[in-house]
Amino acid sequence: MVRYATEHGYSLEDVLFIGDDFDDGGGDSHVRIKGMDYIRIFDYTKAPEVLKFLY
């Protein structure tokens, strides 16, 4: 994600990552470790409700 953002001209401040596994060793932990903003969604069926503030 970090490399993709950089290669496409985005800074870390421009990116909001949405995932479910930000704990150490989790698939999304690199996002947290690199300091990107993120939103944790535990239940994908609740994603529209959790992300409603974006739209």
PDB file of N, CA and C in Angstrom:
ATOM      1  N   MET A   1       0.820  -1.183   0.000  1.00  0.00           N
ATOM      2  CA  MET A   1       0.000   0.000   0.000  1.00  0.00           C
ATOM      3  C   MET A   1       0.869   1.253   0.000  1.00  0.00           C
ATOM      4  N   VAL A   2       1.885   1.248   0.832  1.00  0.00           N
ATOM      5  CA  VAL A   2       2.774   2.414   0.909  1.00  0.00           C
ATOM      6  C   VAL A   2       3.470   2.615  -0.434  1.00  0.00           C
ATOM      7  N   ARG A   3       3.979   1.543  -0.998  1.00  0.00           N
ATOM      8  CA  ARG A   3       4.667   1.657  -2.296  1.00  0.00           C
ATOM      9  C   ARG A   3       3.689   2.105  -3.383  1.00  0.00           C
ATOM     10  N   TYR A   4       2.508   1.549  -3.399  1.00  0.00           N
ATOM     11  CA  TYR A   4       1.504   1.930  -4.391  1.00  0.00           C
ATOM     12  C   TYR A   4       1.205   3.427  -4.296  1.00  0.00           C
ATOM     13  N   ALA A   5       0.973   3.914  -3.088  1.00  0.00           N
ATOM     14  CA  ALA A   5       0.671   5.332  -2.898  1.00  0.00           C
ATOM     15  C   ALA A   5       1.819   6.195  -3.409  1.00  0.00           C
ATOM     16  N   THR A   6       3.023   5.847  -3.037  1.00  0.00           N
ATOM     17  CA  THR A   6       4.186   6.624  -3.447  1.00  0.00           C
ATOM     18  C   THR A   6       4.343   6.612  -4.961  1.00  0.00           C
ATOM     19  N   GLU A   7       4.214   5.459  -5.568  1.00  0.00           N
ATOM     20  CA  GLU A   7       4.371   5.337  -7.025  1.00  0.00           C
ATOM     21  C   GLU A   7       3.305   6.104  -7.795  1.00  0.00           C
ATOM     22  N   HIS A   8       2.178   6.350  -7.177  1.00  0.00           N
ATOM     23  CA  HIS A   8       1.090   7.069  -7.849  1.00  0.00           C
ATOM     24  C   HIS A   8       0.953   8.519  -7.376  1.00  0.00           C
ATOM     25  N   GLY A   9       1.957   9.006  -6.683  1.00  0.00           N
ATOM     26  CA  GLY A   9       2.005  10.417  -6.316  1.00  0.00           C
ATOM     27  C   GLY A   9       1.213  10.812  -5.092  1.00  0.00           C
ATOM     28  N   TYR A  10       0.865   9.846  -4.249  1.00  0.00           N
ATOM     29  CA  TYR A  10       0.132  10.151  -3.023  1.00  0.00           C
ATOM     30  C   TYR A  10       1.065  10.085  -1.826  1.00  0.00           C
ATOM     31  N   SER A  11       0.866  10.985  -0.896  1.00  0.00           N
ATOM     32  CA  SER A  11       1.611  10.910   0.358  1.00  0.00           C
ATOM     33  C   SER A  11       0.787  10.059   1.327  1.00  0.00           C
ATOM     34  N   LEU A  12       1.397   9.648   2.424  1.00  0.00           N
ATOM     35  CA  LEU A  12       0.670   8.854   3.406  1.00  0.00           C
ATOM     36  C   LEU A  12      -0.520   9.625   3.977  1.00  0.00           C
ATOM     37  N   GLU A  13      -0.422  10.943   3.999  1.00  0.00           N
ATOM     38  CA  GLU A  13      -1.517  11.764   4.509  1.00  0.00           C
ATOM     39  C   GLU A  13      -2.711  11.774   3.569  1.00  0.00           C
ATOM     40  N   ASP A  14      -2.513  11.384   2.305  1.00  0.00           N
ATOM     41  CA  ASP A  14      -3.587  11.363   1.318  1.00  0.00           C
ATOM     42  C   ASP A  14      -4.387  10.068   1.331  1.00  0.00           C
ATOM     43  N   VAL A  15      -3.927   9.071   2.061  1.00  0.00           N
ATOM     44  CA  VAL A  15      -4.508   7.735   1.978  1.00  0.00           C
ATOM     45  C   VAL A  15      -5.234   7.365   3.269  1.00  0.00           C
ATOM     46  N   LEU A  16      -6.400   6.774   3.119  1.00  0.00           N
ATOM     47  CA  LEU A  16      -7.140   6.208   4.239  1.00  0.00           C
ATOM     48  C   LEU A  16      -7.346   4.734   3.921  1.00  0.00           C
ATOM     49  N   PHE A  17      -6.782   3.866   4.729  1.00  0.00           N
ATOM     50  CA  PHE A  17      -6.839   2.428   4.496  1.00  0.00           C
ATOM     51  C   PHE A  17      -7.949   1.831   5.337  1.00  0.00           C
ATOM     52  N   ILE A  18      -8.673   0.893   4.765  1.00  0.00           N
ATOM     53  CA  ILE A  18      -9.750   0.223   5.472  1.00  0.00           C
ATOM     54  C   ILE A  18      -9.408  -1.264   5.534  1.00  0.00           C
ATOM     55  N   GLY A  19      -9.397  -1.818   6.736  1.00  0.00           N
ATOM     56  CA  GLY A  19      -9.044  -3.217   6.892  1.00  0.00           C
ATOM     57  C   GLY A  19      -9.559  -3.781   8.195  1.00  0.00           C
ATOM     58  N   ASP A  20      -9.095  -4.999   8.505  1.00  0.00           N
ATOM     59  CA  ASP A  20      -9.613  -5.665   9.696  1.00  0.00           C
ATOM     60  C   ASP A  20      -8.550  -6.305  10.575  1.00  0.00           C
ATOM     61  N   ASP A  21      -7.298  -6.284  10.162  1.00  0.00           N
ATOM     62  CA  ASP A  21      -6.283  -7.052  10.886  1.00  0.00           C
ATOM     63  C   ASP A  21      -5.012  -6.225  11.105  1.00  0.00           C
ATOM     64  N   PHE A  22      -5.107  -5.209  11.961  1.00  0.00           N
ATOM     65  CA  PHE A  22      -4.005  -4.277  12.174  1.00  0.00           C
ATOM     66  C   PHE A  22      -3.100  -4.662  13.345  1.00  0.00           C
ATOM     67  N   ASP A  23      -3.420  -5.739  14.031  1.00  0.00           N
ATOM     68  CA  ASP A  23      -2.583  -6.172  15.147  1.00  0.00           C
ATOM     69  C   ASP A  23      -1.235  -6.659  14.624  1.00  0.00           C
ATOM     70  N   ASP A  24      -0.228  -6.703  15.501  1.00  0.00           N
ATOM     71  CA  ASP A  24       1.104  -7.163  15.099  1.00  0.00           C
ATOM     72  C   ASP A  24       1.002  -8.522  14.414  1.00  0.00           C
ATOM     73  N   GLY A  25       1.614  -8.627  13.257  1.00  0.00           N
ATOM     74  CA  GLY A  25       1.598  -9.866  12.491  1.00  0.00           C
ATOM     75  C   GLY A  25       0.385 -10.024  11.599  1.00  0.00           C
ATOM     76  N   GLY A  26      -0.580  -9.135  11.733  1.00  0.00           N
ATOM     77  CA  GLY A  26      -1.784  -9.206  10.910  1.00  0.00           C
ATOM     78  C   GLY A  26      -1.514  -8.744   9.490  1.00  0.00           C
ATOM     79  N   GLY A  27      -2.380  -9.116   8.595  1.00  0.00           N
ATOM     80  CA  GLY A  27      -2.210  -8.777   7.185  1.00  0.00           C
ATOM     81  C   GLY A  27      -2.204  -7.279   6.903  1.00  0.00           C
ATOM     82  N   ASP A  28      -2.812  -6.486   7.760  1.00  0.00           N
ATOM     83  CA  ASP A  28      -2.859  -5.035   7.570  1.00  0.00           C
ATOM     84  C   ASP A  28      -1.924  -4.293   8.514  1.00  0.00           C
ATOM     85  N   SER A  29      -1.144  -5.017   9.295  1.00  0.00           N
ATOM     86  CA  SER A  29      -0.300  -4.371  10.306  1.00  0.00           C
ATOM     87  C   SER A  29       0.714  -3.415   9.703  1.00  0.00           C
ATOM     88  N   HIS A  30       1.158  -3.672   8.468  1.00  0.00           N
ATOM     89  CA  HIS A  30       2.141  -2.780   7.836  1.00  0.00           C
ATOM     90  C   HIS A  30       1.594  -1.364   7.692  1.00  0.00           C
ATOM     91  N   VAL A  31       0.297  -1.244   7.505  1.00  0.00           N
ATOM     92  CA  VAL A  31      -0.333   0.071   7.381  1.00  0.00           C
ATOM     93  C   VAL A  31      -0.206   0.836   8.692  1.00  0.00           C
ATOM     94  N   ARG A  32      -0.536   0.184   9.790  1.00  0.00           N
ATOM     95  CA  ARG A  32      -0.425   0.815  11.117  1.00  0.00           C
ATOM     96  C   ARG A  32       1.019   1.151  11.427  1.00  0.00           C
ATOM     97  N   ILE A  33       1.927   0.218  11.170  1.00  0.00           N
ATOM     98  CA  ILE A  33       3.338   0.412  11.484  1.00  0.00           C
ATOM     99  C   ILE A  33       3.938   1.574  10.692  1.00  0.00           C
ATOM    100  N   LYS A  34       3.525   1.723   9.443  1.00  0.00           N
ATOM    101  CA  LYS A  34       4.049   2.810   8.597  1.00  0.00           C
ATOM    102  C   LYS A  34       3.402   4.150   8.916  1.00  0.00           C
ATOM    103  N   GLY A  35       2.378   4.157   9.756  1.00  0.00           N
ATOM    104  CA  GLY A  35       1.775   5.412  10.183  1.00  0.00           C
ATOM    105  C   GLY A  35       0.654   5.917   9.301  1.00  0.00           C
ATOM    106  N   MET A  36       0.127   5.066   8.444  1.00  0.00           N
ATOM    107  CA  MET A  36      -0.991   5.486   7.607  1.00  0.00           C
ATOM    108  C   MET A  36      -2.265   5.559   8.444  1.00  0.00           C
ATOM    109  N   ASP A  37      -3.163   6.441   8.043  1.00  0.00           N
ATOM    110  CA  ASP A  37      -4.476   6.497   8.679  1.00  0.00           C
ATOM    111  C   ASP A  37      -5.263   5.270   8.251  1.00  0.00           C
ATOM    112  N   TYR A  38      -6.017   4.714   9.178  1.00  0.00           N
ATOM    113  CA  TYR A  38      -6.801   3.535   8.834  1.00  0.00           C
ATOM    114  C   TYR A  38      -8.077   3.472   9.655  1.00  0.00           C
ATOM    115  N   ILE A  39      -9.006   2.716   9.139  1.00  0.00           N
ATOM    116  CA  ILE A  39     -10.253   2.425   9.835  1.00  0.00           C
ATOM    117  C   ILE A  39     -10.357   0.916   9.926  1.00  0.00           C
ATOM    118  N   ARG A  40     -10.594   0.439  11.125  1.00  0.00           N
ATOM    119  CA  ARG A  40     -10.736  -1.001  11.346  1.00  0.00           C
ATOM    120  C   ARG A  40     -12.214  -1.366  11.235  1.00  0.00           C
ATOM    121  N   ILE A  41     -12.483  -2.358  10.422  1.00  0.00           N
ATOM    122  CA  ILE A  41     -13.841  -2.875  10.280  1.00  0.00           C
ATOM    123  C   ILE A  41     -13.815  -4.345  10.666  1.00  0.00           C
ATOM    124  N   PHE A  42     -14.468  -4.667  11.751  1.00  0.00           N
ATOM    125  CA  PHE A  42     -14.475  -6.035  12.252  1.00  0.00           C
ATOM    126  C   PHE A  42     -15.463  -6.918  11.499  1.00  0.00           C
ATOM    127  N   ASP A  43     -16.541  -6.328  11.031  1.00  0.00           N
ATOM    128  CA  ASP A  43     -17.598  -7.084  10.355  1.00  0.00           C
ATOM    129  C   ASP A  43     -17.899  -6.388   9.037  1.00  0.00           C
ATOM    130  N   TYR A  44     -17.528  -7.010   7.920  1.00  0.00           N
ATOM    131  CA  TYR A  44     -17.682  -6.371   6.618  1.00  0.00           C
ATOM    132  C   TYR A  44     -19.134  -6.015   6.310  1.00  0.00           C
ATOM    133  N   THR A  45     -20.082  -6.694   6.930  1.00  0.00           N
ATOM    134  CA  THR A  45     -21.477  -6.363   6.671  1.00  0.00           C
ATOM    135  C   THR A  45     -21.856  -5.018   7.286  1.00  0.00           C
ATOM    136  N   LYS A  46     -21.034  -4.542   8.210  1.00  0.00           N
ATOM    137  CA  LYS A  46     -21.279  -3.243   8.849  1.00  0.00           C
ATOM    138  C   LYS A  46     -20.489  -2.119   8.176  1.00  0.00           C
ATOM    139  N   ALA A  47     -19.731  -2.430   7.132  1.00  0.00           N
ATOM    140  CA  ALA A  47     -18.882  -1.426   6.480  1.00  0.00           C
ATOM    141  C   ALA A  47     -19.661  -0.182   6.055  1.00  0.00           C
ATOM    142  N   PRO A  48     -20.793  -0.300   5.379  1.00  0.00           N
ATOM    143  CA  PRO A  48     -21.515   0.921   4.987  1.00  0.00           C
ATOM    144  C   PRO A  48     -21.880   1.804   6.177  1.00  0.00           C
ATOM    145  N   GLU A  49     -22.256   1.185   7.275  1.00  0.00           N
ATOM    146  CA  GLU A  49     -22.615   1.943   8.471  1.00  0.00           C
ATOM    147  C   GLU A  49     -21.394   2.639   9.055  1.00  0.00           C
ATOM    148  N   VAL A  50     -20.273   1.932   9.152  1.00  0.00           N
ATOM    149  CA  VAL A  50     -19.046   2.478   9.726  1.00  0.00           C
ATOM    150  C   VAL A  50     -18.471   3.588   8.844  1.00  0.00           C
ATOM    151  N   LEU A  51     -18.590   3.427   7.533  1.00  0.00           N
ATOM    152  CA  LEU A  51     -17.972   4.377   6.589  1.00  0.00           C
ATOM    153  C   LEU A  51     -18.926   5.462   6.118  1.00  0.00           C
ATOM    154  N   LYS A  52     -20.110   5.492   6.655  1.00  0.00           N
ATOM    155  CA  LYS A  52     -21.134   6.438   6.216  1.00  0.00           C
ATOM    156  C   LYS A  52     -20.661   7.895   6.300  1.00  0.00           C
ATOM    157  N   PHE A  53     -19.775   8.198   7.217  1.00  0.00           N
ATOM    158  CA  PHE A  53     -19.293   9.574   7.369  1.00  0.00           C
ATOM    159  C   PHE A  53     -18.454  10.032   6.162  1.00  0.00           C
ATOM    160  N   LEU A  54     -18.012   9.095   5.330  1.00  0.00           N
ATOM    161  CA  LEU A  54     -17.201   9.444   4.159  1.00  0.00           C
ATOM    162  C   LEU A  54     -18.031   9.952   2.989  1.00  0.00           C
ATOM    163  N   TYR A  55     -19.305   9.665   2.992  1.00  0.00           N
ATOM    164  CA  TYR A  55     -20.139  10.074   1.850  1.00  0.00           C
ATOM    165  C   TYR A  55     -21.428  10.712   2.282  1.00  0.00           C
TER     166      TYR A  55
END
